[in-house]
Amino acid sequence: MRIGELAERTGTSRRLLRYYEEQGLIVSDRSPNGYRDYDEFFVDRVQQIRGLLDAGLPTRIIKQILPCLNKPRIIHFPDATPEMLATLEHELDRMTERIACLARNRDAVAEYLDEVRRDDRADGRPGARTAGRPDREGAAVADHVPEKAT
C-alpha cells in the first residue's frame, strides 16, 4: 500500500510515517516511480509504535524492542545496555502510574454517569439532566435567550 493509505488507516500523518522510516522503525519498498510501498503488516506496526511513543518511550528504545512485538515469547537482547534497561524500568513505572490514574478517572466518570442516570430515573425524566445547564440543585434548565425588542 502507498503511504497515503497507510496514513489514513493508522491515523498517522505522512510526514510522521517518513520519520518512522528514517528512524528505522518501519521500512518500505520503492516502486519504479519512487513511491513508497508498505506491506499490510505495517498497519499494526505503526499503531504499536504510536502506542509506545504515547507511553513515553523514545524512538531509539522502540527500535530496540520492536523485535519483541513480533515474537513476544522470545525476549532477549544480547546488546541491551544498562541505560536501555534503566530507561525501560523507568518507562514501565510511568506506564503503571498512568494506568492507575486512567483507572481512577474512568471510575470517577462511571460513578458520575451512574449518579446522573439514577437521578434521571428517580425524576421519571430520561435525559432531563443532560440538556441545558444545571441549576443550583443540579437539575438541567434550558438556556434562555431574550428576544430582541423591535
Foldseek 3Di string as FASTA:
>chain_A
DFLVVLCVLQVHDSVVVVVCVVLVQAAFDADPVGTTHHDPVVSVSVNVVVVVVVLPDDSVLCNQCVVCVVPVVDDDDPPQDPVSVVSVVVSVVSSVVVVVVVVVVVVVVVVVVVVVQVVCVVVVHPPQLVDAAADPVSTHDHDDDDDDDD
